[in-house]
Amino acid sequence: MADELRQKFAKNLKFFREKAGLTQVQLAEELGINPRYVQQLEGKNVPNVRLNTIEQIARALGIKAFELLK
């Protein structure tokens, strides 16, 4: 179940990032994080993500946090 949720998150993150017209590097700069971390979040082996990080990503993308998880 957790793996499925992480994969949904990765897929949704990439979708909304691209919809916003941002590269991984641009999103990382907006969030003040390493671009490699954004790459990991969109990859096959998604690390655990803190809820506040999900909220920050959602704000940067102009969406609600739950949209990254649905």
N, C-alpha and C. Protein backbone atom coordinates (compact mmCIF):
# COMPACT_ATOMS: atom_id res chain seq x y z
N MET A 1 0.82 -1.20 0.00
CA MET A 1 0.00 0.00 0.00
C MET A 1 0.86 1.27 0.00
N ALA A 2 1.86 1.31 0.87
CA ALA A 2 2.73 2.49 0.91
C ALA A 2 3.48 2.67 -0.41
N ASP A 3 3.91 1.55 -1.01
CA ASP A 3 4.60 1.64 -2.29
C ASP A 3 3.68 2.19 -3.37
N GLU A 4 2.42 1.75 -3.35
CA GLU A 4 1.45 2.25 -4.33
C GLU A 4 1.24 3.76 -4.16
N LEU A 5 1.15 4.20 -2.93
CA LEU A 5 0.95 5.62 -2.66
C LEU A 5 2.16 6.43 -3.11
N ARG A 6 3.35 5.91 -2.86
CA ARG A 6 4.56 6.62 -3.30
C ARG A 6 4.61 6.71 -4.82
N GLN A 7 4.19 5.66 -5.52
CA GLN A 7 4.19 5.69 -6.98
C GLN A 7 3.14 6.65 -7.52
N LYS A 8 1.98 6.71 -6.87
CA LYS A 8 0.97 7.70 -7.27
C LYS A 8 1.50 9.11 -7.08
N PHE A 9 2.17 9.32 -5.94
CA PHE A 9 2.75 10.63 -5.66
C PHE A 9 3.75 11.00 -6.76
N ALA A 10 4.64 10.07 -7.11
CA ALA A 10 5.66 10.34 -8.13
C ALA A 10 5.02 10.70 -9.46
N LYS A 11 4.02 9.93 -9.86
CA LYS A 11 3.34 10.18 -11.13
C LYS A 11 2.63 11.53 -11.12
N ASN A 12 1.92 11.82 -10.02
CA ASN A 12 1.20 13.08 -9.92
C ASN A 12 2.14 14.27 -9.84
N LEU A 13 3.24 14.12 -9.13
CA LEU A 13 4.22 15.20 -9.04
C LEU A 13 4.74 15.56 -10.43
N LYS A 14 5.12 14.58 -11.19
CA LYS A 14 5.63 14.83 -12.54
C LYS A 14 4.55 15.49 -13.40
N PHE A 15 3.32 14.97 -13.33
CA PHE A 15 2.22 15.52 -14.11
C PHE A 15 2.00 17.00 -13.80
N PHE A 16 1.85 17.33 -12.51
CA PHE A 16 1.57 18.71 -12.13
C PHE A 16 2.77 19.63 -12.34
N ARG A 17 3.98 19.10 -12.18
CA ARG A 17 5.18 19.91 -12.45
C ARG A 17 5.23 20.29 -13.92
N GLU A 18 5.01 19.30 -14.79
CA GLU A 18 5.03 19.58 -16.23
C GLU A 18 3.87 20.49 -16.62
N LYS A 19 2.71 20.29 -16.01
CA LYS A 19 1.55 21.14 -16.29
C LYS A 19 1.84 22.59 -15.92
N ALA A 20 2.62 22.78 -14.86
CA ALA A 20 3.01 24.12 -14.43
C ALA A 20 4.14 24.70 -15.29
N GLY A 21 4.67 23.88 -16.20
CA GLY A 21 5.74 24.34 -17.09
C GLY A 21 7.09 24.47 -16.41
N LEU A 22 7.30 23.67 -15.36
CA LEU A 22 8.56 23.72 -14.61
C LEU A 22 9.42 22.50 -14.88
N THR A 23 10.72 22.72 -14.92
CA THR A 23 11.66 21.60 -14.95
C THR A 23 11.89 21.13 -13.52
N GLN A 24 12.54 20.00 -13.36
CA GLN A 24 12.90 19.54 -12.02
C GLN A 24 13.79 20.55 -11.33
N VAL A 25 14.71 21.13 -12.07
CA VAL A 25 15.64 22.12 -11.50
C VAL A 25 14.88 23.37 -11.07
N GLN A 26 13.95 23.83 -11.88
CA GLN A 26 13.18 25.02 -11.52
C GLN A 26 12.34 24.79 -10.27
N LEU A 27 11.71 23.61 -10.18
CA LEU A 27 10.91 23.30 -9.00
C LEU A 27 11.81 23.23 -7.77
N ALA A 28 12.96 22.60 -7.91
CA ALA A 28 13.90 22.51 -6.79
C ALA A 28 14.32 23.90 -6.33
N GLU A 29 14.62 24.79 -7.27
CA GLU A 29 15.00 26.15 -6.91
C GLU A 29 13.87 26.86 -6.18
N GLU A 30 12.65 26.68 -6.65
CA GLU A 30 11.48 27.28 -6.01
C GLU A 30 11.33 26.80 -4.57
N LEU A 31 11.64 25.53 -4.35
CA LEU A 31 11.49 24.93 -3.02
C LEU A 31 12.73 25.08 -2.15
N GLY A 32 13.85 25.45 -2.75
CA GLY A 32 15.10 25.56 -2.00
C GLY A 32 15.67 24.20 -1.63
N ILE A 33 15.48 23.23 -2.53
CA ILE A 33 15.98 21.88 -2.29
C ILE A 33 16.88 21.46 -3.45
N ASN A 34 17.55 20.34 -3.28
CA ASN A 34 18.45 19.81 -4.28
C ASN A 34 17.65 19.23 -5.45
N PRO A 35 18.01 19.57 -6.69
CA PRO A 35 17.31 19.01 -7.84
C PRO A 35 17.32 17.47 -7.86
N ARG A 36 18.35 16.88 -7.31
CA ARG A 36 18.44 15.41 -7.24
C ARG A 36 17.29 14.85 -6.41
N TYR A 37 16.87 15.57 -5.39
CA TYR A 37 15.76 15.11 -4.55
C TYR A 37 14.46 15.11 -5.35
N VAL A 38 14.24 16.14 -6.16
CA VAL A 38 13.04 16.16 -7.02
C VAL A 38 13.08 14.98 -7.97
N GLN A 39 14.25 14.70 -8.52
CA GLN A 39 14.40 13.54 -9.42
C GLN A 39 14.04 12.25 -8.69
N GLN A 40 14.48 12.11 -7.46
CA GLN A 40 14.17 10.92 -6.67
C GLN A 40 12.67 10.83 -6.40
N LEU A 41 12.04 11.96 -6.12
CA LEU A 41 10.61 11.97 -5.83
C LEU A 41 9.78 11.54 -7.03
N GLU A 42 10.31 11.74 -8.23
CA GLU A 42 9.59 11.35 -9.43
C GLU A 42 10.05 9.99 -9.96
N GLY A 43 10.98 9.35 -9.28
CA GLY A 43 11.56 8.10 -9.76
C GLY A 43 10.80 6.86 -9.32
N LYS A 44 11.43 5.73 -9.54
CA LYS A 44 10.81 4.44 -9.22
C LYS A 44 10.93 4.10 -7.74
N ASN A 45 11.99 4.53 -7.09
CA ASN A 45 12.20 4.25 -5.67
C ASN A 45 12.03 5.52 -4.86
N VAL A 46 10.79 5.95 -4.76
CA VAL A 46 10.46 7.21 -4.10
C VAL A 46 10.76 7.10 -2.60
N PRO A 47 11.54 8.02 -2.07
CA PRO A 47 11.80 7.99 -0.63
C PRO A 47 10.56 8.44 0.15
N ASN A 48 10.56 8.20 1.44
CA ASN A 48 9.48 8.72 2.28
C ASN A 48 9.53 10.24 2.21
N VAL A 49 8.35 10.84 2.15
CA VAL A 49 8.24 12.29 2.03
C VAL A 49 7.46 12.83 3.22
N ARG A 50 7.99 13.86 3.85
CA ARG A 50 7.31 14.47 4.99
C ARG A 50 6.08 15.23 4.51
N LEU A 51 5.08 15.28 5.34
CA LEU A 51 3.84 15.97 4.98
C LEU A 51 4.07 17.44 4.69
N ASN A 52 4.94 18.08 5.46
CA ASN A 52 5.19 19.50 5.20
C ASN A 52 5.89 19.70 3.85
N THR A 53 6.68 18.73 3.42
CA THR A 53 7.32 18.80 2.10
C THR A 53 6.26 18.68 1.01
N ILE A 54 5.30 17.78 1.19
CA ILE A 54 4.22 17.63 0.22
C ILE A 54 3.43 18.94 0.13
N GLU A 55 3.18 19.55 1.25
CA GLU A 55 2.45 20.82 1.27
C GLU A 55 3.24 21.92 0.55
N GLN A 56 4.54 21.99 0.77
CA GLN A 56 5.37 23.00 0.11
C GLN A 56 5.39 22.78 -1.40
N ILE A 57 5.50 21.53 -1.82
CA ILE A 57 5.49 21.20 -3.25
C ILE A 57 4.16 21.62 -3.86
N ALA A 58 3.07 21.29 -3.19
CA ALA A 58 1.74 21.63 -3.70
C ALA A 58 1.60 23.15 -3.86
N ARG A 59 2.03 23.90 -2.86
CA ARG A 59 1.95 25.37 -2.95
C ARG A 59 2.75 25.88 -4.14
N ALA A 60 3.94 25.33 -4.34
CA ALA A 60 4.79 25.76 -5.45
C ALA A 60 4.14 25.46 -6.80
N LEU A 61 3.34 24.40 -6.84
CA LEU A 61 2.68 24.00 -8.08
C LEU A 61 1.28 24.61 -8.23
N GLY A 62 0.83 25.31 -7.19
CA GLY A 62 -0.48 25.94 -7.25
C GLY A 62 -1.65 24.98 -7.14
N ILE A 63 -1.44 23.89 -6.41
CA ILE A 63 -2.47 22.87 -6.23
C ILE A 63 -2.65 22.57 -4.75
N LYS A 64 -3.66 21.77 -4.44
CA LYS A 64 -3.88 21.30 -3.07
C LYS A 64 -3.02 20.06 -2.84
N ALA A 65 -2.54 19.87 -1.63
CA ALA A 65 -1.64 18.75 -1.32
C ALA A 65 -2.27 17.40 -1.65
N PHE A 66 -3.57 17.24 -1.42
CA PHE A 66 -4.20 15.94 -1.66
C PHE A 66 -4.14 15.53 -3.12
N GLU A 67 -4.01 16.52 -4.03
CA GLU A 67 -3.94 16.20 -5.45
C GLU A 67 -2.68 15.41 -5.79
N LEU A 68 -1.65 15.56 -5.01
CA LEU A 68 -0.42 14.80 -5.24
C LEU A 68 -0.56 13.35 -4.79
N LEU A 69 -1.60 13.06 -4.00
CA LEU A 69 -1.74 11.72 -3.43
C LEU A 69 -2.94 10.95 -3.97
N LYS A 70 -3.79 11.61 -4.74
CA LYS A 70 -5.00 10.91 -5.20
C LYS A 70 -4.77 10.10 -6.46
